[in-house]
Amino acid sequence: MIDVDATLLLLHDYRLRFPEDDALVGELIGKLRSNGTTFFNRANDRGHITCGAVLVDEQQRVLLIRHNTLDSWLTPGGHVESSDKSLEQAARRELAEETGIRNGLAAVLRTPVQIDRHTIPHNDRKGEGEHDHWDLRFLFKFTSGEVSLQFNEVSAYKWCALSTLPRALGRRVQAFLGP
């Protein structure tokens, strides 16, 4: 189970590194303090924390997957599970589940490279109403390995130029990877 106090410390460190996200992080901290550990649970129908992996290879390309439910190209990621010991580990687990990549990874930062809040649409098939995902995206370098997709969640993958990422995320990734 993810520790709320450890997450608050992680958010404090993120806020120091990325002061331009102060308002968003303040809102997330408020949600986490008022919901406690239930804010890590997908059953929290008002919204919850999710974790993503921004995976960059040696050619400075980013891995995108075609997400079946949302029918969109995204970085790998998903819900926190009760077995996860940290949010970074949740991002690694989601990456492994969706792409088969378990080895050849090096974390670039101890904190997420980005926190993004986005609305997930109503889904009758899953019995979910519209809700927010507070996605903590961790940056990893990929040195070797093969992609082996989990086709019940994703249908394709591609390696893309960093410029494919949304501008703010792409700039941050580039800044931490260097030229």
N, C-alpha and C. Protein backbone atom coordinates (compact mmCIF):
# COMPACT_ATOMS: atom_id res chain seq x y z
N MET A 1 0.84 -1.19 0.00
CA MET A 1 0.00 0.00 0.00
C MET A 1 0.88 1.24 0.00
N ILE A 2 0.49 2.20 -0.77
CA ILE A 2 1.22 3.46 -0.86
C ILE A 2 1.00 4.27 0.42
N ASP A 3 2.05 4.86 0.93
CA ASP A 3 2.00 5.65 2.15
C ASP A 3 1.64 7.10 1.82
N VAL A 4 0.63 7.63 2.48
CA VAL A 4 0.18 9.00 2.24
C VAL A 4 1.29 10.00 2.59
N ASP A 5 1.95 9.82 3.73
CA ASP A 5 3.00 10.76 4.13
C ASP A 5 4.17 10.75 3.14
N ALA A 6 4.55 9.58 2.66
CA ALA A 6 5.62 9.50 1.65
C ALA A 6 5.19 10.21 0.37
N THR A 7 3.93 10.10 0.01
CA THR A 7 3.43 10.77 -1.18
C THR A 7 3.42 12.28 -0.98
N LEU A 8 3.04 12.73 0.20
CA LEU A 8 3.07 14.18 0.48
C LEU A 8 4.50 14.71 0.39
N LEU A 9 5.46 13.94 0.86
CA LEU A 9 6.87 14.35 0.75
C LEU A 9 7.30 14.38 -0.72
N LEU A 10 6.90 13.40 -1.49
CA LEU A 10 7.19 13.37 -2.93
C LEU A 10 6.60 14.59 -3.63
N LEU A 11 5.37 14.95 -3.27
CA LEU A 11 4.72 16.12 -3.85
C LEU A 11 5.42 17.42 -3.43
N HIS A 12 5.90 17.46 -2.19
CA HIS A 12 6.68 18.62 -1.74
C HIS A 12 7.94 18.77 -2.59
N ASP A 13 8.66 17.68 -2.81
CA ASP A 13 9.87 17.71 -3.63
C ASP A 13 9.54 18.12 -5.07
N TYR A 14 8.44 17.60 -5.60
CA TYR A 14 8.02 17.97 -6.96
C TYR A 14 7.72 19.47 -7.03
N ARG A 15 7.03 19.97 -6.03
CA ARG A 15 6.66 21.39 -5.99
C ARG A 15 7.90 22.29 -5.97
N LEU A 16 8.94 21.86 -5.26
CA LEU A 16 10.20 22.62 -5.24
C LEU A 16 10.88 22.59 -6.61
N ARG A 17 10.84 21.45 -7.28
CA ARG A 17 11.48 21.30 -8.59
C ARG A 17 10.71 22.03 -9.68
N PHE A 18 9.38 22.02 -9.58
CA PHE A 18 8.52 22.60 -10.62
C PHE A 18 7.54 23.60 -10.01
N PRO A 19 8.02 24.76 -9.55
CA PRO A 19 7.14 25.72 -8.88
C PRO A 19 6.02 26.25 -9.78
N GLU A 20 6.16 26.14 -11.09
CA GLU A 20 5.10 26.58 -11.99
C GLU A 20 3.83 25.73 -11.85
N ASP A 21 3.95 24.55 -11.23
CA ASP A 21 2.80 23.67 -11.02
C ASP A 21 2.21 23.80 -9.62
N ASP A 22 2.55 24.87 -8.92
CA ASP A 22 2.17 25.03 -7.52
C ASP A 22 0.67 24.89 -7.28
N ALA A 23 -0.16 25.55 -8.08
CA ALA A 23 -1.61 25.50 -7.86
C ALA A 23 -2.14 24.08 -8.05
N LEU A 24 -1.71 23.40 -9.09
CA LEU A 24 -2.15 22.03 -9.35
C LEU A 24 -1.73 21.10 -8.21
N VAL A 25 -0.48 21.23 -7.78
CA VAL A 25 0.01 20.37 -6.69
C VAL A 25 -0.71 20.69 -5.39
N GLY A 26 -0.99 21.96 -5.15
CA GLY A 26 -1.75 22.32 -3.95
C GLY A 26 -3.13 21.67 -3.94
N GLU A 27 -3.78 21.66 -5.08
CA GLU A 27 -5.09 21.01 -5.18
C GLU A 27 -4.97 19.50 -4.95
N LEU A 28 -3.94 18.89 -5.54
CA LEU A 28 -3.73 17.45 -5.34
C LEU A 28 -3.46 17.13 -3.88
N ILE A 29 -2.64 17.93 -3.22
CA ILE A 29 -2.35 17.72 -1.80
C ILE A 29 -3.64 17.80 -0.99
N GLY A 30 -4.49 18.76 -1.29
CA GLY A 30 -5.77 18.88 -0.60
C GLY A 30 -6.63 17.64 -0.78
N LYS A 31 -6.70 17.13 -2.00
CA LYS A 31 -7.48 15.90 -2.28
C LYS A 31 -6.90 14.72 -1.52
N LEU A 32 -5.57 14.61 -1.52
CA LEU A 32 -4.92 13.49 -0.84
C LEU A 32 -5.15 13.57 0.67
N ARG A 33 -5.05 14.76 1.24
CA ARG A 33 -5.27 14.91 2.69
C ARG A 33 -6.72 14.61 3.07
N SER A 34 -7.67 15.01 2.23
CA SER A 34 -9.07 14.78 2.58
C SER A 34 -9.53 13.35 2.30
N ASN A 35 -8.89 12.66 1.35
CA ASN A 35 -9.30 11.30 1.00
C ASN A 35 -8.41 10.21 1.59
N GLY A 36 -7.19 10.55 1.98
CA GLY A 36 -6.26 9.55 2.51
C GLY A 36 -5.95 8.48 1.47
N THR A 37 -5.77 7.26 1.93
CA THR A 37 -5.38 6.17 1.03
C THR A 37 -6.45 5.84 -0.01
N THR A 38 -7.69 6.25 0.21
CA THR A 38 -8.72 5.97 -0.80
C THR A 38 -8.47 6.75 -2.08
N PHE A 39 -7.60 7.78 -2.03
CA PHE A 39 -7.31 8.55 -3.24
C PHE A 39 -6.35 7.81 -4.17
N PHE A 40 -5.83 6.66 -3.74
CA PHE A 40 -5.03 5.80 -4.60
C PHE A 40 -5.88 4.72 -5.26
N ASN A 41 -7.15 4.64 -4.87
CA ASN A 41 -8.00 3.52 -5.27
C ASN A 41 -8.92 3.91 -6.43
N ARG A 42 -8.94 3.08 -7.45
CA ARG A 42 -9.80 3.35 -8.61
C ARG A 42 -11.27 3.34 -8.25
N ALA A 43 -11.64 2.78 -7.10
CA ALA A 43 -13.03 2.80 -6.67
C ALA A 43 -13.48 4.18 -6.21
N ASN A 44 -12.54 5.09 -5.98
CA ASN A 44 -12.89 6.46 -5.63
C ASN A 44 -13.44 7.10 -6.90
N ASP A 45 -14.75 7.18 -7.00
CA ASP A 45 -15.40 7.58 -8.25
C ASP A 45 -15.34 9.07 -8.54
N ARG A 46 -14.80 9.87 -7.61
CA ARG A 46 -14.63 11.31 -7.88
C ARG A 46 -13.28 11.58 -8.56
N GLY A 47 -12.38 10.63 -8.45
CA GLY A 47 -11.06 10.77 -9.02
C GLY A 47 -10.03 10.10 -8.15
N HIS A 48 -8.85 9.90 -8.71
CA HIS A 48 -7.80 9.21 -7.98
C HIS A 48 -6.45 9.38 -8.68
N ILE A 49 -5.40 9.02 -7.96
CA ILE A 49 -4.04 9.09 -8.49
C ILE A 49 -3.80 7.89 -9.40
N THR A 50 -3.17 8.16 -10.53
CA THR A 50 -2.67 7.12 -11.43
C THR A 50 -1.19 7.40 -11.67
N CYS A 51 -0.49 6.44 -12.25
CA CYS A 51 0.94 6.59 -12.49
C CYS A 51 1.28 6.22 -13.92
N GLY A 52 2.17 6.99 -14.52
CA GLY A 52 2.59 6.74 -15.89
C GLY A 52 4.09 6.69 -16.01
N ALA A 53 4.53 6.11 -17.14
CA ALA A 53 5.95 5.98 -17.44
C ALA A 53 6.25 6.67 -18.76
N VAL A 54 7.09 7.68 -18.71
CA VAL A 54 7.60 8.30 -19.93
C VAL A 54 8.92 7.58 -20.20
N LEU A 55 8.92 6.73 -21.21
CA LEU A 55 10.07 5.87 -21.50
C LEU A 55 10.79 6.39 -22.74
N VAL A 56 12.07 6.71 -22.57
CA VAL A 56 12.87 7.27 -23.66
C VAL A 56 14.03 6.33 -23.94
N ASP A 57 14.22 6.00 -25.23
CA ASP A 57 15.30 5.08 -25.60
C ASP A 57 16.60 5.84 -25.88
N GLU A 58 17.63 5.11 -26.29
CA GLU A 58 18.95 5.70 -26.51
C GLU A 58 18.98 6.68 -27.69
N GLN A 59 18.01 6.59 -28.59
CA GLN A 59 17.91 7.53 -29.71
C GLN A 59 17.05 8.74 -29.37
N GLN A 60 16.71 8.87 -28.08
CA GLN A 60 15.85 9.95 -27.58
C GLN A 60 14.48 9.94 -28.24
N ARG A 61 13.93 8.74 -28.36
CA ARG A 61 12.55 8.58 -28.82
C ARG A 61 11.73 8.14 -27.62
N VAL A 62 10.47 8.52 -27.62
CA VAL A 62 9.56 8.18 -26.53
C VAL A 62 8.61 7.08 -27.00
N LEU A 63 8.29 6.16 -26.08
CA LEU A 63 7.38 5.06 -26.39
C LEU A 63 5.93 5.50 -26.15
N LEU A 64 5.10 5.34 -27.18
CA LEU A 64 3.66 5.57 -27.05
C LEU A 64 2.93 4.28 -27.34
N ILE A 65 1.82 4.08 -26.63
CA ILE A 65 0.98 2.90 -26.83
C ILE A 65 -0.40 3.35 -27.28
N ARG A 66 -1.07 2.51 -28.02
CA ARG A 66 -2.45 2.78 -28.44
C ARG A 66 -3.35 2.16 -27.38
N HIS A 67 -3.97 3.01 -26.56
CA HIS A 67 -4.82 2.57 -25.45
C HIS A 67 -6.20 2.20 -25.99
N ASN A 68 -6.62 0.97 -25.75
CA ASN A 68 -7.88 0.47 -26.32
C ASN A 68 -9.11 1.21 -25.81
N THR A 69 -9.23 1.40 -24.51
CA THR A 69 -10.43 2.01 -23.95
C THR A 69 -10.58 3.46 -24.38
N LEU A 70 -9.50 4.22 -24.33
CA LEU A 70 -9.56 5.64 -24.67
C LEU A 70 -9.34 5.90 -26.16
N ASP A 71 -8.94 4.86 -26.90
CA ASP A 71 -8.68 4.97 -28.33
C ASP A 71 -7.76 6.15 -28.64
N SER A 72 -6.63 6.19 -27.91
CA SER A 72 -5.67 7.29 -28.04
C SER A 72 -4.25 6.75 -27.91
N TRP A 73 -3.30 7.50 -28.48
CA TRP A 73 -1.87 7.24 -28.28
C TRP A 73 -1.44 7.94 -27.01
N LEU A 74 -0.91 7.17 -26.05
CA LEU A 74 -0.52 7.69 -24.73
C LEU A 74 0.80 7.07 -24.29
N THR A 75 1.40 7.67 -23.28
CA THR A 75 2.50 6.99 -22.61
C THR A 75 1.89 5.88 -21.74
N PRO A 76 2.62 4.79 -21.49
CA PRO A 76 2.08 3.71 -20.65
C PRO A 76 1.76 4.20 -19.24
N GLY A 77 0.76 3.58 -18.63
CA GLY A 77 0.42 3.93 -17.26
C GLY A 77 -0.94 3.41 -16.87
N GLY A 78 -1.29 3.63 -15.62
CA GLY A 78 -2.59 3.18 -15.16
C GLY A 78 -2.76 3.32 -13.67
N HIS A 79 -3.65 2.52 -13.14
CA HIS A 79 -4.07 2.63 -11.73
C HIS A 79 -3.04 2.07 -10.76
N VAL A 80 -3.03 2.65 -9.58
CA VAL A 80 -2.23 2.16 -8.46
C VAL A 80 -2.93 0.93 -7.90
N GLU A 81 -2.15 -0.09 -7.57
CA GLU A 81 -2.67 -1.33 -6.97
C GLU A 81 -2.27 -1.40 -5.50
N SER A 82 -3.02 -2.16 -4.72
CA SER A 82 -2.73 -2.27 -3.28
C SER A 82 -1.36 -2.90 -3.02
N SER A 83 -0.83 -3.66 -3.97
CA SER A 83 0.49 -4.29 -3.80
C SER A 83 1.65 -3.33 -4.08
N ASP A 84 1.38 -2.17 -4.66
CA ASP A 84 2.45 -1.21 -4.98
C ASP A 84 3.00 -0.60 -3.70
N LYS A 85 4.32 -0.54 -3.61
CA LYS A 85 5.00 0.03 -2.44
C LYS A 85 5.34 1.50 -2.63
N SER A 86 5.41 1.96 -3.88
CA SER A 86 5.70 3.37 -4.17
C SER A 86 5.01 3.73 -5.48
N LEU A 87 4.89 5.02 -5.72
CA LEU A 87 4.28 5.47 -6.97
C LEU A 87 5.19 5.19 -8.16
N GLU A 88 6.51 5.31 -7.97
CA GLU A 88 7.43 4.94 -9.04
C GLU A 88 7.28 3.46 -9.38
N GLN A 89 7.13 2.62 -8.36
CA GLN A 89 6.96 1.19 -8.61
C GLN A 89 5.64 0.93 -9.35
N ALA A 90 4.61 1.69 -9.05
CA ALA A 90 3.33 1.55 -9.76
C ALA A 90 3.53 1.89 -11.24
N ALA A 91 4.31 2.94 -11.53
CA ALA A 91 4.59 3.30 -12.93
C ALA A 91 5.37 2.18 -13.62
N ARG A 92 6.36 1.61 -12.94
CA ARG A 92 7.14 0.50 -13.51
C ARG A 92 6.25 -0.72 -13.77
N ARG A 93 5.37 -1.03 -12.81
CA ARG A 93 4.48 -2.19 -12.97
C ARG A 93 3.56 -1.99 -14.15
N GLU A 94 2.96 -0.81 -14.26
CA GLU A 94 2.05 -0.53 -15.38
C GLU A 94 2.80 -0.63 -16.71
N LEU A 95 4.02 -0.10 -16.75
CA LEU A 95 4.83 -0.20 -17.96
C LEU A 95 5.05 -1.67 -18.32
N ALA A 96 5.41 -2.48 -17.35
CA ALA A 96 5.64 -3.91 -17.60
C ALA A 96 4.37 -4.61 -18.03
N GLU A 97 3.25 -4.31 -17.40
CA GLU A 97 1.98 -4.96 -17.75
C GLU A 97 1.56 -4.64 -19.18
N GLU A 98 1.71 -3.39 -19.58
CA GLU A 98 1.21 -2.97 -20.90
C GLU A 98 2.18 -3.28 -22.03
N THR A 99 3.50 -3.29 -21.73
CA THR A 99 4.49 -3.41 -22.81
C THR A 99 5.41 -4.61 -22.67
N GLY A 100 5.38 -5.29 -21.53
CA GLY A 100 6.29 -6.40 -21.30
C GLY A 100 7.69 -5.97 -20.90
N ILE A 101 7.97 -4.67 -20.85
CA ILE A 101 9.30 -4.18 -20.50
C ILE A 101 9.47 -4.21 -18.98
N ARG A 102 10.41 -5.04 -18.54
CA ARG A 102 10.67 -5.18 -17.11
C ARG A 102 12.11 -4.84 -16.75
N ASN A 103 13.00 -4.95 -17.72
CA ASN A 103 14.43 -4.74 -17.48
C ASN A 103 14.94 -3.64 -18.40
N GLY A 104 16.18 -3.25 -18.17
CA GLY A 104 16.79 -2.24 -19.02
C GLY A 104 16.25 -0.85 -18.78
N LEU A 105 15.77 -0.60 -17.55
CA LEU A 105 15.19 0.71 -17.20
C LEU A 105 16.05 1.41 -16.16
N ALA A 106 16.18 2.71 -16.30
CA ALA A 106 16.85 3.52 -15.29
C ALA A 106 15.99 4.74 -15.04
N ALA A 107 15.61 4.96 -13.78
CA ALA A 107 14.84 6.15 -13.42
C ALA A 107 15.74 7.37 -13.56
N VAL A 108 15.21 8.44 -14.15
CA VAL A 108 15.97 9.67 -14.35
C VAL A 108 15.82 10.59 -13.15
N LEU A 109 14.63 10.64 -12.56
CA LEU A 109 14.34 11.51 -11.42
C LEU A 109 13.72 10.69 -10.30
N ARG A 110 13.86 11.18 -9.07
CA ARG A 110 13.17 10.55 -7.94
C ARG A 110 11.73 11.01 -7.87
N THR A 111 11.46 12.21 -8.38
CA THR A 111 10.11 12.75 -8.42
C THR A 111 9.52 12.54 -9.81
N PRO A 112 8.22 12.67 -9.96
CA PRO A 112 7.66 12.63 -11.32
C PRO A 112 8.22 13.77 -12.17
N VAL A 113 8.23 13.58 -13.47
CA VAL A 113 8.64 14.64 -14.38
C VAL A 113 7.45 15.56 -14.68
N GLN A 114 6.24 15.03 -14.45
CA GLN A 114 5.04 15.83 -14.66
C GLN A 114 3.88 15.25 -13.85
N ILE A 115 3.01 16.13 -13.40
CA ILE A 115 1.72 15.72 -12.83
C ILE A 115 0.67 16.35 -13.72
N ASP A 116 -0.27 15.53 -14.16
CA ASP A 116 -1.31 16.00 -15.07
C ASP A 116 -2.66 15.53 -14.56
N ARG A 117 -3.61 16.44 -14.52
CA ARG A 117 -4.99 16.08 -14.18
C ARG A 117 -5.80 16.11 -15.46
N HIS A 118 -6.48 15.00 -15.73
CA HIS A 118 -7.33 14.95 -16.92
C HIS A 118 -8.59 14.16 -16.59
N THR A 119 -9.64 14.47 -17.31
CA THR A 119 -10.94 13.85 -17.07
C THR A 119 -11.08 12.61 -17.94
N ILE A 120 -11.48 11.52 -17.30
CA ILE A 120 -11.77 10.26 -17.99
C ILE A 120 -13.28 10.25 -18.25
N PRO A 121 -13.68 10.00 -19.49
CA PRO A 121 -15.12 10.06 -19.80
C PRO A 121 -15.90 8.89 -19.19
N HIS A 122 -17.19 9.09 -19.07
CA HIS A 122 -18.14 8.06 -18.63
C HIS A 122 -17.95 6.81 -19.49
N ASN A 123 -17.99 5.63 -18.84
CA ASN A 123 -17.80 4.37 -19.56
C ASN A 123 -18.81 3.35 -19.04
N ASP A 124 -19.88 3.14 -19.81
CA ASP A 124 -20.91 2.17 -19.41
C ASP A 124 -20.34 0.76 -19.28
N ARG A 125 -19.46 0.39 -20.20
CA ARG A 125 -18.90 -0.97 -20.22
C ARG A 125 -18.18 -1.28 -18.91
N LYS A 126 -17.48 -0.28 -18.35
CA LYS A 126 -16.77 -0.47 -17.10
C LYS A 126 -17.60 -0.07 -15.88
N GLY A 127 -18.77 0.50 -16.11
CA GLY A 127 -19.60 0.95 -15.01
C GLY A 127 -19.00 2.14 -14.27
N GLU A 128 -18.29 2.98 -15.01
CA GLU A 128 -17.63 4.14 -14.41
C GLU A 128 -18.25 5.44 -14.91
N GLY A 129 -18.45 6.34 -13.99
CA GLY A 129 -18.86 7.68 -14.37
C GLY A 129 -17.63 8.51 -14.72
N GLU A 130 -17.87 9.69 -15.24
CA GLU A 130 -16.78 10.61 -15.53
C GLU A 130 -16.03 10.91 -14.23
N HIS A 131 -14.72 10.91 -14.28
CA HIS A 131 -13.91 11.17 -13.10
C HIS A 131 -12.53 11.68 -13.52
N ASP A 132 -11.78 12.23 -12.57
CA ASP A 132 -10.46 12.76 -12.85
C ASP A 132 -9.37 11.75 -12.50
N HIS A 133 -8.35 11.73 -13.35
CA HIS A 133 -7.11 11.03 -13.05
C HIS A 133 -6.05 12.08 -12.76
N TRP A 134 -5.38 11.91 -11.65
CA TRP A 134 -4.24 12.75 -11.29
C TRP A 134 -3.02 11.89 -11.60
N ASP A 135 -2.48 12.06 -12.81
CA ASP A 135 -1.44 11.17 -13.32
C ASP A 135 -0.05 11.69 -12.97
N LEU A 136 0.69 10.90 -12.20
CA LEU A 136 2.08 11.21 -11.87
C LEU A 136 2.95 10.45 -12.85
N ARG A 137 3.65 11.18 -13.70
CA ARG A 137 4.43 10.58 -14.79
C ARG A 137 5.91 10.57 -14.44
N PHE A 138 6.48 9.37 -14.40
CA PHE A 138 7.88 9.19 -14.07
C PHE A 138 8.69 8.98 -15.34
N LEU A 139 9.90 9.52 -15.36
CA LEU A 139 10.77 9.47 -16.53
C LEU A 139 11.79 8.35 -16.37
N PHE A 140 11.85 7.49 -17.39
CA PHE A 140 12.79 6.37 -17.40
C PHE A 140 13.58 6.37 -18.70
N LYS A 141 14.85 5.99 -18.59
CA LYS A 141 15.65 5.71 -19.78
C LYS A 141 15.56 4.21 -20.04
N PHE A 142 15.51 3.85 -21.31
CA PHE A 142 15.40 2.46 -21.74
C PHE A 142 16.67 2.09 -22.49
N THR A 143 17.37 1.09 -21.98
CA THR A 143 18.64 0.73 -22.59
C THR A 143 18.58 -0.53 -23.45
N SER A 144 17.69 -1.45 -23.12
CA SER A 144 17.61 -2.67 -23.93
C SER A 144 16.34 -3.43 -23.59
N GLY A 145 15.92 -4.28 -24.51
CA GLY A 145 14.76 -5.12 -24.27
C GLY A 145 13.81 -5.09 -25.44
N GLU A 146 12.77 -5.87 -25.32
CA GLU A 146 11.76 -6.02 -26.36
C GLU A 146 10.40 -5.57 -25.84
N VAL A 147 9.59 -5.05 -26.72
CA VAL A 147 8.22 -4.69 -26.39
C VAL A 147 7.33 -5.88 -26.72
N SER A 148 6.49 -6.26 -25.76
CA SER A 148 5.55 -7.36 -25.94
C SER A 148 4.21 -6.90 -25.34
N LEU A 149 3.32 -6.45 -26.20
CA LEU A 149 2.10 -5.79 -25.75
C LEU A 149 1.11 -6.73 -25.07
N GLN A 150 0.37 -6.17 -24.12
CA GLN A 150 -0.76 -6.83 -23.48
C GLN A 150 -2.00 -6.36 -24.25
N PHE A 151 -2.47 -7.16 -25.19
CA PHE A 151 -3.46 -6.70 -26.16
C PHE A 151 -4.85 -6.44 -25.57
N ASN A 152 -5.14 -6.90 -24.36
CA ASN A 152 -6.45 -6.56 -23.79
C ASN A 152 -6.51 -5.10 -23.36
N GLU A 153 -5.36 -4.43 -23.18
CA GLU A 153 -5.34 -3.01 -22.80
C GLU A 153 -4.84 -2.11 -23.91
N VAL A 154 -3.90 -2.59 -24.71
CA VAL A 154 -3.27 -1.78 -25.75
C VAL A 154 -3.24 -2.56 -27.06
N SER A 155 -3.26 -1.84 -28.18
CA SER A 155 -3.32 -2.52 -29.46
C SER A 155 -2.10 -2.30 -30.34
N ALA A 156 -1.25 -1.33 -30.00
CA ALA A 156 -0.07 -1.05 -30.82
C ALA A 156 0.90 -0.20 -30.01
N TYR A 157 2.11 -0.09 -30.52
CA TYR A 157 3.09 0.81 -29.93
C TYR A 157 3.92 1.44 -31.05
N LYS A 158 4.55 2.56 -30.69
CA LYS A 158 5.47 3.19 -31.63
C LYS A 158 6.46 4.03 -30.84
N TRP A 159 7.67 4.14 -31.39
CA TRP A 159 8.69 5.02 -30.85
C TRP A 159 8.62 6.31 -31.63
N CYS A 160 8.50 7.44 -30.93
CA CYS A 160 8.29 8.74 -31.58
C CYS A 160 9.32 9.75 -31.10
N ALA A 161 9.50 10.79 -31.89
CA ALA A 161 10.36 11.90 -31.49
C ALA A 161 9.79 12.55 -30.23
N LEU A 162 10.67 13.09 -29.40
CA LEU A 162 10.21 13.77 -28.18
C LEU A 162 9.24 14.90 -28.50
N SER A 163 9.34 15.47 -29.68
CA SER A 163 8.44 16.55 -30.07
C SER A 163 6.99 16.08 -30.18
N THR A 164 6.77 14.77 -30.17
CA THR A 164 5.42 14.21 -30.21
C THR A 164 4.68 14.45 -28.89
N LEU A 165 5.45 14.55 -27.81
CA LEU A 165 4.84 14.77 -26.49
C LEU A 165 4.23 16.16 -26.42
N PRO A 166 3.23 16.34 -25.57
CA PRO A 166 2.73 17.70 -25.33
C PRO A 166 3.91 18.61 -24.97
N ARG A 167 3.85 19.85 -25.42
CA ARG A 167 4.99 20.76 -25.36
C ARG A 167 5.63 20.85 -23.98
N ALA A 168 4.84 21.05 -22.94
CA ALA A 168 5.41 21.22 -21.60
C ALA A 168 6.13 19.95 -21.14
N LEU A 169 5.54 18.80 -21.37
CA LEU A 169 6.17 17.54 -20.99
C LEU A 169 7.42 17.30 -21.82
N GLY A 170 7.35 17.53 -23.12
CA GLY A 170 8.50 17.34 -23.99
C GLY A 170 9.69 18.19 -23.57
N ARG A 171 9.44 19.45 -23.20
CA ARG A 171 10.52 20.34 -22.75
C ARG A 171 11.16 19.83 -21.47
N ARG A 172 10.34 19.36 -20.55
CA ARG A 172 10.89 18.84 -19.29
C ARG A 172 11.74 17.60 -19.54
N VAL A 173 11.23 16.69 -20.34
CA VAL A 173 11.97 15.47 -20.63
C VAL A 173 13.31 15.83 -21.27
N GLN A 174 13.29 16.69 -22.26
CA GLN A 174 14.51 17.11 -22.94
C GLN A 174 15.50 17.75 -21.98
N ALA A 175 15.01 18.57 -21.06
CA ALA A 175 15.88 19.24 -20.09
C ALA A 175 16.60 18.24 -19.19
N PHE A 176 15.94 17.15 -18.83
CA PHE A 176 16.56 16.18 -17.93
C PHE A 176 17.42 15.17 -18.66
N LEU A 177 17.18 14.96 -19.94
CA LEU A 177 17.98 14.03 -20.71
C LEU A 177 19.22 14.69 -21.31
N GLY A 178 19.15 16.00 -21.51
CA GLY A 178 20.26 16.71 -22.12
C GLY A 178 20.25 16.56 -23.64
N PRO A 179 21.26 17.11 -24.29
CA PRO A 179 21.31 17.09 -25.76
C PRO A 179 21.54 15.70 -26.33
